[in-house]
PDB file of all heavy atoms in Angstrom:
ATOM      1  N   HIS A   1       6.061  -5.359   2.098  1.00  0.00           N
ATOM      2  CA  HIS A   1       5.032  -5.347   3.138  1.00  0.00           C
ATOM      3  C   HIS A   1       3.631  -5.545   2.549  1.00  0.00           C
ATOM      4  O   HIS A   1       2.805  -6.245   3.134  1.00  0.00           O
ATOM      5  CB  HIS A   1       5.102  -4.057   3.961  1.00  0.00           C
ATOM      6  CG  HIS A   1       6.164  -4.091   5.001  1.00  0.00           C
ATOM      7  ND1 HIS A   1       6.015  -4.755   6.205  1.00  0.00           N
ATOM      8  CD2 HIS A   1       7.416  -3.570   5.023  1.00  0.00           C
ATOM      9  CE1 HIS A   1       7.111  -4.637   6.918  1.00  0.00           C
ATOM     10  NE2 HIS A   1       7.983  -3.914   6.226  1.00  0.00           N
ATOM     11  N   ILE A   2       3.370  -4.952   1.404  1.00  0.00           N
ATOM     12  CA  ILE A   2       2.070  -5.148   0.746  1.00  0.00           C
ATOM     13  C   ILE A   2       1.920  -6.612   0.326  1.00  0.00           C
ATOM     14  O   ILE A   2       0.896  -7.246   0.584  1.00  0.00           O
ATOM     15  CB  ILE A   2       1.918  -4.193  -0.458  1.00  0.00           C
ATOM     16  CG1 ILE A   2       1.763  -2.756   0.048  1.00  0.00           C
ATOM     17  CG2 ILE A   2       0.736  -4.598  -1.343  1.00  0.00           C
ATOM     18  CD1 ILE A   2       1.825  -1.698  -1.048  1.00  0.00           C
ATOM     19  N   GLY A   3       2.949  -7.165  -0.308  1.00  0.00           N
ATOM     20  CA  GLY A   3       2.902  -8.562  -0.747  1.00  0.00           C
ATOM     21  C   GLY A   3       2.817  -9.537   0.405  1.00  0.00           C
ATOM     22  O   GLY A   3       2.139 -10.566   0.304  1.00  0.00           O
ATOM     23  N   ASN A   4       3.469  -9.230   1.507  1.00  0.00           N
ATOM     24  CA  ASN A   4       3.445 -10.103   2.669  1.00  0.00           C
ATOM     25  C   ASN A   4       2.037 -10.239   3.249  1.00  0.00           C
ATOM     26  O   ASN A   4       1.724 -11.222   3.914  1.00  0.00           O
ATOM     27  CB  ASN A   4       4.408  -9.575   3.739  1.00  0.00           C
ATOM     28  CG  ASN A   4       4.616 -10.559   4.862  1.00  0.00           C
ATOM     29  OD1 ASN A   4       4.887 -11.740   4.628  1.00  0.00           O
ATOM     30  ND2 ASN A   4       4.478 -10.089   6.090  1.00  0.00           N
ATOM     31  N   ARG A   5       1.183  -9.282   2.954  1.00  0.00           N
ATOM     32  CA  ARG A   5      -0.205  -9.335   3.426  1.00  0.00           C
ATOM     33  C   ARG A   5      -1.153  -9.843   2.341  1.00  0.00           C
ATOM     34  O   ARG A   5      -2.362  -9.757   2.488  1.00  0.00           O
ATOM     35  CB  ARG A   5      -0.626  -7.954   3.934  1.00  0.00           C
ATOM     36  CG  ARG A   5      -0.024  -7.707   5.307  1.00  0.00           C
ATOM     37  CD  ARG A   5       0.287  -6.264   5.569  1.00  0.00           C
ATOM     38  NE  ARG A   5       0.963  -6.124   6.856  1.00  0.00           N
ATOM     39  CZ  ARG A   5       2.274  -6.190   7.021  1.00  0.00           C
ATOM     40  NH1 ARG A   5       3.070  -6.424   5.997  1.00  0.00           N
ATOM     41  NH2 ARG A   5       2.808  -6.039   8.209  1.00  0.00           N
ATOM     42  N   HIS A   6      -0.597 -10.354   1.255  1.00  0.00           N
ATOM     43  CA  HIS A   6      -1.379 -10.912   0.140  1.00  0.00           C
ATOM     44  C   HIS A   6      -2.415  -9.920  -0.371  1.00  0.00           C
ATOM     45  O   HIS A   6      -3.529 -10.298  -0.730  1.00  0.00           O
ATOM     46  CB  HIS A   6      -2.034 -12.247   0.530  1.00  0.00           C
ATOM     47  CG  HIS A   6      -1.033 -13.308   0.800  1.00  0.00           C
ATOM     48  ND1 HIS A   6      -0.610 -14.184  -0.164  1.00  0.00           N
ATOM     49  CD2 HIS A   6      -0.348 -13.611   1.927  1.00  0.00           C
ATOM     50  CE1 HIS A   6       0.289 -14.994   0.356  1.00  0.00           C
ATOM     51  NE2 HIS A   6       0.471 -14.662   1.611  1.00  0.00           N
ATOM     52  N   THR A   7      -2.042  -8.663  -0.398  1.00  0.00           N
ATOM     53  CA  THR A   7      -2.920  -7.603  -0.873  1.00  0.00           C
ATOM     54  C   THR A   7      -2.781  -7.476  -2.383  1.00  0.00           C
ATOM     55  O   THR A   7      -1.675  -7.293  -2.882  1.00  0.00           O
ATOM     56  CB  THR A   7      -2.539  -6.266  -0.191  1.00  0.00           C
ATOM     57  OG1 THR A   7      -2.656  -6.427   1.223  1.00  0.00           O
ATOM     58  CG2 THR A   7      -3.407  -5.122  -0.655  1.00  0.00           C
ATOM     59  N   PRO A   8      -3.870  -7.575  -3.142  1.00  0.00           N
ATOM     60  CA  PRO A   8      -3.771  -7.358  -4.590  1.00  0.00           C
ATOM     61  C   PRO A   8      -3.123  -5.999  -4.855  1.00  0.00           C
ATOM     62  O   PRO A   8      -3.430  -5.005  -4.180  1.00  0.00           O
ATOM     63  CB  PRO A   8      -5.221  -7.381  -5.066  1.00  0.00           C
ATOM     64  CG  PRO A   8      -5.959  -8.148  -4.013  1.00  0.00           C
ATOM     65  CD  PRO A   8      -5.254  -7.831  -2.721  1.00  0.00           C
ATOM     66  N   CYS A   9      -2.211  -5.955  -5.814  1.00  0.00           N
ATOM     67  CA  CYS A   9      -1.417  -4.751  -6.036  1.00  0.00           C
ATOM     68  C   CYS A   9      -1.149  -4.546  -7.528  1.00  0.00           C
ATOM     69  O   CYS A   9      -0.701  -5.461  -8.212  1.00  0.00           O
ATOM     70  CB  CYS A   9      -0.104  -4.876  -5.278  1.00  0.00           C
ATOM     71  SG  CYS A   9       0.956  -3.432  -5.374  1.00  0.00           S
ATOM     72  N   GLN A  10      -1.412  -3.337  -7.989  1.00  0.00           N
ATOM     73  CA  GLN A  10      -1.064  -2.933  -9.348  1.00  0.00           C
ATOM     74  C   GLN A  10       0.295  -2.256  -9.269  1.00  0.00           C
ATOM     75  O   GLN A  10       0.456  -1.263  -8.563  1.00  0.00           O
ATOM     76  CB  GLN A  10      -2.126  -1.979  -9.901  1.00  0.00           C
ATOM     77  CG  GLN A  10      -1.878  -1.549 -11.326  1.00  0.00           C
ATOM     78  CD  GLN A  10      -3.061  -0.747 -11.867  1.00  0.00           C
ATOM     79  OE1 GLN A  10      -4.208  -0.973 -11.492  1.00  0.00           O
ATOM     80  NE2 GLN A  10      -2.766   0.187 -12.751  1.00  0.00           N
ATOM     81  N   ILE A  11       1.270  -2.782  -9.991  1.00  0.00           N
ATOM     82  CA  ILE A  11       2.639  -2.293  -9.920  1.00  0.00           C
ATOM     83  C   ILE A  11       2.943  -1.444 -11.144  1.00  0.00           C
ATOM     84  O   ILE A  11       2.823  -1.910 -12.277  1.00  0.00           O
ATOM     85  CB  ILE A  11       3.624  -3.477  -9.821  1.00  0.00           C
ATOM     86  CG1 ILE A  11       3.297  -4.307  -8.585  1.00  0.00           C
ATOM     87  CG2 ILE A  11       5.067  -2.981  -9.812  1.00  0.00           C
ATOM     88  CD1 ILE A  11       4.014  -5.638  -8.524  1.00  0.00           C
ATOM     89  N   GLU A  12       3.332  -0.204 -10.915  1.00  0.00           N
ATOM     90  CA  GLU A  12       3.684   0.713 -11.986  1.00  0.00           C
ATOM     91  C   GLU A  12       5.024   1.361 -11.654  1.00  0.00           C
ATOM     92  O   GLU A  12       5.456   1.339 -10.496  1.00  0.00           O
ATOM     93  CB  GLU A  12       2.615   1.801 -12.135  1.00  0.00           C
ATOM     94  CG  GLU A  12       1.252   1.260 -12.503  1.00  0.00           C
ATOM     95  CD  GLU A  12       0.209   2.362 -12.632  1.00  0.00           C
ATOM     96  OE1 GLU A  12       0.543   3.554 -12.430  1.00  0.00           O
ATOM     97  OE2 GLU A  12      -0.947   2.020 -12.936  1.00  0.00           O
ATOM     98  N   ALA A  13       5.654   1.964 -12.635  1.00  0.00           N
ATOM     99  CA  ALA A  13       6.901   2.686 -12.394  1.00  0.00           C
ATOM    100  C   ALA A  13       6.612   3.847 -11.446  1.00  0.00           C
ATOM    101  O   ALA A  13       5.806   4.715 -11.749  1.00  0.00           O
ATOM    102  CB  ALA A  13       7.483   3.205 -13.704  1.00  0.00           C
ATOM    103  N   GLY A  14       7.213   3.815 -10.267  1.00  0.00           N
ATOM    104  CA  GLY A  14       7.089   4.913  -9.331  1.00  0.00           C
ATOM    105  C   GLY A  14       5.911   4.863  -8.379  1.00  0.00           C
ATOM    106  O   GLY A  14       5.808   5.714  -7.491  1.00  0.00           O
ATOM    107  N   ARG A  15       4.996   3.906  -8.536  1.00  0.00           N
ATOM    108  CA  ARG A  15       3.866   3.842  -7.616  1.00  0.00           C
ATOM    109  C   ARG A  15       3.247   2.448  -7.607  1.00  0.00           C
ATOM    110  O   ARG A  15       3.393   1.665  -8.538  1.00  0.00           O
ATOM    111  CB  ARG A  15       2.801   4.870  -7.943  1.00  0.00           C
ATOM    112  CG  ARG A  15       1.972   4.525  -9.167  1.00  0.00           C
ATOM    113  CD  ARG A  15       0.861   5.525  -9.378  1.00  0.00           C
ATOM    114  NE  ARG A  15      -0.043   5.064 -10.430  1.00  0.00           N
ATOM    115  CZ  ARG A  15      -1.248   5.542 -10.624  1.00  0.00           C
ATOM    116  NH1 ARG A  15      -1.707   6.508  -9.848  1.00  0.00           N
ATOM    117  NH2 ARG A  15      -2.009   5.088 -11.591  1.00  0.00           N
ATOM    118  N   LEU A  16       2.521   2.186  -6.531  1.00  0.00           N
ATOM    119  CA  LEU A  16       1.727   0.972  -6.383  1.00  0.00           C
ATOM    120  C   LEU A  16       0.286   1.411  -6.146  1.00  0.00           C
ATOM    121  O   LEU A  16       0.040   2.448  -5.523  1.00  0.00           O
ATOM    122  CB  LEU A  16       2.215   0.152  -5.189  1.00  0.00           C
ATOM    123  CG  LEU A  16       3.694  -0.229  -5.180  1.00  0.00           C
ATOM    124  CD1 LEU A  16       4.068  -0.876  -3.845  1.00  0.00           C
ATOM    125  CD2 LEU A  16       4.016  -1.143  -6.333  1.00  0.00           C
ATOM    126  N   LEU A  17      -0.670   0.627  -6.641  1.00  0.00           N
ATOM    127  CA  LEU A  17      -2.088   0.873  -6.368  1.00  0.00           C
ATOM    128  C   LEU A  17      -2.650  -0.342  -5.643  1.00  0.00           C
ATOM    129  O   LEU A  17      -2.403  -1.481  -6.056  1.00  0.00           O
ATOM    130  CB  LEU A  17      -2.871   1.089  -7.660  1.00  0.00           C
ATOM    131  CG  LEU A  17      -2.584   2.374  -8.428  1.00  0.00           C
ATOM    132  CD1 LEU A  17      -3.328   2.375  -9.766  1.00  0.00           C
ATOM    133  CD2 LEU A  17      -2.961   3.598  -7.621  1.00  0.00           C
ATOM    134  N   ILE A  18      -3.379  -0.084  -4.557  1.00  0.00           N
ATOM    135  CA  ILE A  18      -4.028  -1.145  -3.803  1.00  0.00           C
ATOM    136  C   ILE A  18      -5.450  -0.707  -3.464  1.00  0.00           C
ATOM    137  O   ILE A  18      -5.784   0.480  -3.536  1.00  0.00           O
ATOM    138  CB  ILE A  18      -3.260  -1.516  -2.512  1.00  0.00           C
ATOM    139  CG1 ILE A  18      -3.167  -0.324  -1.552  1.00  0.00           C
ATOM    140  CG2 ILE A  18      -1.874  -2.058  -2.851  1.00  0.00           C
ATOM    141  CD1 ILE A  18      -2.593  -0.657  -0.186  1.00  0.00           C
ATOM    142  N   GLN A  19      -6.291  -1.672  -3.077  1.00  0.00           N
ATOM    143  CA  GLN A  19      -7.634  -1.342  -2.633  1.00  0.00           C
ATOM    144  C   GLN A  19      -7.560  -0.590  -1.310  1.00  0.00           C
ATOM    145  O   GLN A  19      -6.636  -0.789  -0.522  1.00  0.00           O
ATOM    146  CB  GLN A  19      -8.463  -2.618  -2.479  1.00  0.00           C
ATOM    147  CG  GLN A  19      -8.717  -3.302  -3.805  1.00  0.00           C
ATOM    148  CD  GLN A  19      -9.340  -4.664  -3.632  1.00  0.00           C
ATOM    149  OE1 GLN A  19      -8.843  -5.482  -2.875  1.00  0.00           O
ATOM    150  NE2 GLN A  19     -10.429  -4.909  -4.342  1.00  0.00           N
ATOM    151  N   ARG A  20      -8.547   0.261  -1.072  1.00  0.00           N
ATOM    152  CA  ARG A  20      -8.566   1.032   0.168  1.00  0.00           C
ATOM    153  C   ARG A  20      -8.794   0.118   1.361  1.00  0.00           C
ATOM    154  O   ARG A  20      -9.689  -0.712   1.365  1.00  0.00           O
ATOM    155  CB  ARG A  20      -9.647   2.113   0.114  1.00  0.00           C
ATOM    156  CG  ARG A  20      -9.285   3.227  -0.847  1.00  0.00           C
ATOM    157  CD  ARG A  20     -10.218   4.398  -0.745  1.00  0.00           C
ATOM    158  NE  ARG A  20      -9.947   5.341  -1.820  1.00  0.00           N
ATOM    159  CZ  ARG A  20     -10.656   6.424  -2.041  1.00  0.00           C
ATOM    160  NH1 ARG A  20     -11.687   6.710  -1.248  1.00  0.00           N
ATOM    161  NH2 ARG A  20     -10.356   7.222  -3.039  1.00  0.00           N
ATOM    162  N   ASP A  21      -7.931   0.274   2.342  1.00  0.00           N
ATOM    163  CA  ASP A  21      -7.983  -0.512   3.569  1.00  0.00           C
ATOM    164  C   ASP A  21      -7.305   0.326   4.648  1.00  0.00           C
ATOM    165  O   ASP A  21      -6.105   0.614   4.536  1.00  0.00           O
ATOM    166  CB  ASP A  21      -7.259  -1.840   3.358  1.00  0.00           C
ATOM    167  CG  ASP A  21      -7.239  -2.728   4.584  1.00  0.00           C
ATOM    168  OD1 ASP A  21      -6.821  -2.254   5.661  1.00  0.00           O
ATOM    169  OD2 ASP A  21      -7.619  -3.903   4.461  1.00  0.00           O
ATOM    170  N   HIS A  22      -8.044   0.719   5.671  1.00  0.00           N
ATOM    171  CA  HIS A  22      -7.478   1.616   6.678  1.00  0.00           C
ATOM    172  C   HIS A  22      -6.351   0.972   7.485  1.00  0.00           C
ATOM    173  O   HIS A  22      -5.426   1.660   7.916  1.00  0.00           O
ATOM    174  CB  HIS A  22      -8.579   2.167   7.598  1.00  0.00           C
ATOM    175  CG  HIS A  22      -9.157   1.153   8.535  1.00  0.00           C
ATOM    176  ND1 HIS A  22     -10.132   0.260   8.153  1.00  0.00           N
ATOM    177  CD2 HIS A  22      -8.885   0.887   9.832  1.00  0.00           C
ATOM    178  CE1 HIS A  22     -10.447  -0.507   9.172  1.00  0.00           C
ATOM    179  NE2 HIS A  22      -9.711  -0.163  10.202  1.00  0.00           N
ATOM    180  N   VAL A  23      -6.392  -0.339   7.673  1.00  0.00           N
ATOM    181  CA  VAL A  23      -5.336  -1.013   8.427  1.00  0.00           C
ATOM    182  C   VAL A  23      -4.031  -1.012   7.620  1.00  0.00           C
ATOM    183  O   VAL A  23      -2.961  -0.683   8.145  1.00  0.00           O
ATOM    184  CB  VAL A  23      -5.766  -2.453   8.798  1.00  0.00           C
ATOM    185  CG1 VAL A  23      -4.617  -3.222   9.434  1.00  0.00           C
ATOM    186  CG2 VAL A  23      -6.977  -2.424   9.716  1.00  0.00           C
ATOM    187  N   ILE A  24      -4.112  -1.359   6.333  1.00  0.00           N
ATOM    188  CA  ILE A  24      -2.921  -1.364   5.472  1.00  0.00           C
ATOM    189  C   ILE A  24      -2.402   0.069   5.317  1.00  0.00           C
ATOM    190  O   ILE A  24      -1.188   0.314   5.346  1.00  0.00           O
ATOM    191  CB  ILE A  24      -3.230  -1.996   4.099  1.00  0.00           C
ATOM    192  CG1 ILE A  24      -3.695  -3.444   4.257  1.00  0.00           C
ATOM    193  CG2 ILE A  24      -2.036  -1.884   3.157  1.00  0.00           C
ATOM    194  CD1 ILE A  24      -2.643  -4.400   4.741  1.00  0.00           C
ATOM    195  N   ARG A  25      -3.323   1.027   5.166  1.00  0.00           N
ATOM    196  CA  ARG A  25      -2.918   2.432   5.034  1.00  0.00           C
ATOM    197  C   ARG A  25      -2.112   2.878   6.255  1.00  0.00           C
ATOM    198  O   ARG A  25      -1.067   3.522   6.133  1.00  0.00           O
ATOM    199  CB  ARG A  25      -4.141   3.310   4.847  1.00  0.00           C
ATOM    200  CG  ARG A  25      -3.790   4.771   4.690  1.00  0.00           C
ATOM    201  CD  ARG A  25      -5.008   5.661   4.603  1.00  0.00           C
ATOM    202  NE  ARG A  25      -4.562   6.964   4.187  1.00  0.00           N
ATOM    203  CZ  ARG A  25      -5.197   7.724   3.323  1.00  0.00           C
ATOM    204  NH1 ARG A  25      -6.318   7.323   2.777  1.00  0.00           N
ATOM    205  NH2 ARG A  25      -4.712   8.907   2.987  1.00  0.00           N
ATOM    206  N   ASP A  26      -2.582   2.537   7.452  1.00  0.00           N
ATOM    207  CA  ASP A  26      -1.887   2.902   8.680  1.00  0.00           C
ATOM    208  C   ASP A  26      -0.502   2.253   8.733  1.00  0.00           C
ATOM    209  O   ASP A  26       0.484   2.901   9.067  1.00  0.00           O
ATOM    210  CB  ASP A  26      -2.728   2.480   9.892  1.00  0.00           C
ATOM    211  CG  ASP A  26      -2.093   2.895  11.200  1.00  0.00           C
ATOM    212  OD1 ASP A  26      -1.865   4.112  11.390  1.00  0.00           O
ATOM    213  OD2 ASP A  26      -1.822   2.003  12.039  1.00  0.00           O
ATOM    214  N   MET A  27      -0.430   0.963   8.377  1.00  0.00           N
ATOM    215  CA  MET A  27       0.848   0.258   8.378  1.00  0.00           C
ATOM    216  C   MET A  27       1.825   0.920   7.397  1.00  0.00           C
ATOM    217  O   MET A  27       2.991   1.131   7.711  1.00  0.00           O
ATOM    218  CB  MET A  27       0.630  -1.217   8.009  1.00  0.00           C
ATOM    219  CG  MET A  27       1.887  -2.068   7.940  1.00  0.00           C
ATOM    220  SD  MET A  27       2.733  -2.126   6.335  1.00  0.00           S
ATOM    221  CE  MET A  27       1.490  -2.692   5.223  1.00  0.00           C
ATOM    222  N   LEU A  28       1.341   1.274   6.208  1.00  0.00           N
ATOM    223  CA  LEU A  28       2.214   1.895   5.205  1.00  0.00           C
ATOM    224  C   LEU A  28       2.744   3.239   5.685  1.00  0.00           C
ATOM    225  O   LEU A  28       3.911   3.573   5.463  1.00  0.00           O
ATOM    226  CB  LEU A  28       1.467   2.040   3.874  1.00  0.00           C
ATOM    227  CG  LEU A  28       1.174   0.731   3.145  1.00  0.00           C
ATOM    228  CD1 LEU A  28       0.195   0.960   1.995  1.00  0.00           C
ATOM    229  CD2 LEU A  28       2.450   0.079   2.658  1.00  0.00           C
ATOM    230  N   GLY A  29       1.900   4.010   6.350  1.00  0.00           N
ATOM    231  CA  GLY A  29       2.356   5.285   6.906  1.00  0.00           C
ATOM    232  C   GLY A  29       3.451   5.100   7.940  1.00  0.00           C
ATOM    233  O   GLY A  29       4.406   5.884   7.995  1.00  0.00           O
ATOM    234  N   LYS A  30       3.342   4.040   8.728  1.00  0.00           N
ATOM    235  CA  LYS A  30       4.339   3.777   9.773  1.00  0.00           C
ATOM    236  C   LYS A  30       5.693   3.381   9.202  1.00  0.00           C
ATOM    237  O   LYS A  30       6.716   3.537   9.868  1.00  0.00           O
ATOM    238  CB  LYS A  30       3.827   2.703  10.720  1.00  0.00           C
ATOM    239  CG  LYS A  30       2.715   3.197  11.615  1.00  0.00           C
ATOM    240  CD  LYS A  30       2.185   2.100  12.507  1.00  0.00           C
ATOM    241  CE  LYS A  30       1.062   2.673  13.384  1.00  0.00           C
ATOM    242  NZ  LYS A  30       0.416   1.646  14.176  1.00  0.00           N
ATOM    243  N   ILE A  31       5.721   2.855   7.982  1.00  0.00           N
ATOM    244  CA  ILE A  31       7.014   2.474   7.388  1.00  0.00           C
ATOM    245  C   ILE A  31       7.512   3.527   6.389  1.00  0.00           C
ATOM    246  O   ILE A  31       8.455   3.287   5.646  1.00  0.00           O
ATOM    247  CB  ILE A  31       6.962   1.072   6.732  1.00  0.00           C
ATOM    248  CG1 ILE A  31       5.983   1.025   5.556  1.00  0.00           C
ATOM    249  CG2 ILE A  31       6.633   0.009   7.769  1.00  0.00           C
ATOM    250  CD1 ILE A  31       6.088  -0.248   4.731  1.00  0.00           C
ATOM    251  N   GLY A  32       6.872   4.696   6.377  1.00  0.00           N
ATOM    252  CA  GLY A  32       7.380   5.813   5.591  1.00  0.00           C
ATOM    253  C   GLY A  32       6.795   5.982   4.200  1.00  0.00           C
ATOM    254  O   GLY A  32       7.285   6.798   3.419  1.00  0.00           O
ATOM    255  N   ALA A  33       5.755   5.245   3.865  1.00  0.00           N
ATOM    256  CA  ALA A  33       5.138   5.392   2.548  1.00  0.00           C
ATOM    257  C   ALA A  33       4.251   6.639   2.524  1.00  0.00           C
ATOM    258  O   ALA A  33       3.719   7.065   3.542  1.00  0.00           O
ATOM    259  CB  ALA A  33       4.296   4.161   2.218  1.00  0.00           C
ATOM    260  N   THR A  34       4.108   7.203   1.352  1.00  0.00           N
ATOM    261  CA  THR A  34       3.141   8.274   1.120  1.00  0.00           C
ATOM    262  C   THR A  34       1.920   7.624   0.490  1.00  0.00           C
ATOM    263  O   THR A  34       2.042   6.910  -0.509  1.00  0.00           O
ATOM    264  CB  THR A  34       3.724   9.345   0.182  1.00  0.00           C
ATOM    265  OG1 THR A  34       4.905   9.887   0.786  1.00  0.00           O
ATOM    266  CG2 THR A  34       2.723  10.446  -0.086  1.00  0.00           C
ATOM    267  N   VAL A  35       0.754   7.839   1.066  1.00  0.00           N
ATOM    268  CA  VAL A  35      -0.469   7.199   0.605  1.00  0.00           C
ATOM    269  C   VAL A  35      -1.488   8.280   0.253  1.00  0.00           C
ATOM    270  O   VAL A  35      -1.719   9.199   1.039  1.00  0.00           O
ATOM    271  CB  VAL A  35      -1.041   6.248   1.680  1.00  0.00           C
ATOM    272  CG1 VAL A  35      -2.289   5.556   1.183  1.00  0.00           C
ATOM    273  CG2 VAL A  35       0.012   5.220   2.106  1.00  0.00           C
ATOM    274  N   ARG A  36      -2.076   8.146  -0.930  1.00  0.00           N
ATOM    275  CA  ARG A  36      -3.053   9.124  -1.418  1.00  0.00           C
ATOM    276  C   ARG A  36      -4.255   8.379  -1.969  1.00  0.00           C
ATOM    277  O   ARG A  36      -4.103   7.382  -2.679  1.00  0.00           O
ATOM    278  CB  ARG A  36      -2.393   9.959  -2.523  1.00  0.00           C
ATOM    279  CG  ARG A  36      -3.256  11.043  -3.122  1.00  0.00           C
ATOM    280  CD  ARG A  36      -2.439  11.900  -4.088  1.00  0.00           C
ATOM    281  NE  ARG A  36      -2.139  11.211  -5.324  1.00  0.00           N
ATOM    282  CZ  ARG A  36      -2.833  11.361  -6.461  1.00  0.00           C
ATOM    283  NH1 ARG A  36      -3.871  12.159  -6.516  1.00  0.00           N
ATOM    284  NH2 ARG A  36      -2.484  10.700  -7.544  1.00  0.00           N
ATOM    285  N   GLU A  37      -5.460   8.854  -1.675  1.00  0.00           N
ATOM    286  CA  GLU A  37      -6.670   8.249  -2.214  1.00  0.00           C
ATOM    287  C   GLU A  37      -6.857   8.678  -3.664  1.00  0.00           C
ATOM    288  O   GLU A  37      -6.715   9.860  -3.986  1.00  0.00           O
ATOM    289  CB  GLU A  37      -7.893   8.660  -1.374  1.00  0.00           C
ATOM    290  CG  GLU A  37      -7.874   8.070   0.013  1.00  0.00           C
ATOM    291  CD  GLU A  37      -9.110   8.408   0.827  1.00  0.00           C
ATOM    292  OE1 GLU A  37      -9.963   9.193   0.358  1.00  0.00           O
ATOM    293  OE2 GLU A  37      -9.215   7.873   1.950  1.00  0.00           O
TER     294      GLU A  37
END
């Protein structure tokens, strides 16, 4: 879902890092992701 939105993403074992975006954050919450600032 992050890649489908062409969002720059840092990929690490066990987590992803993306720039803060309230729309993407809301979408991620709806698909069951845990998001922390």
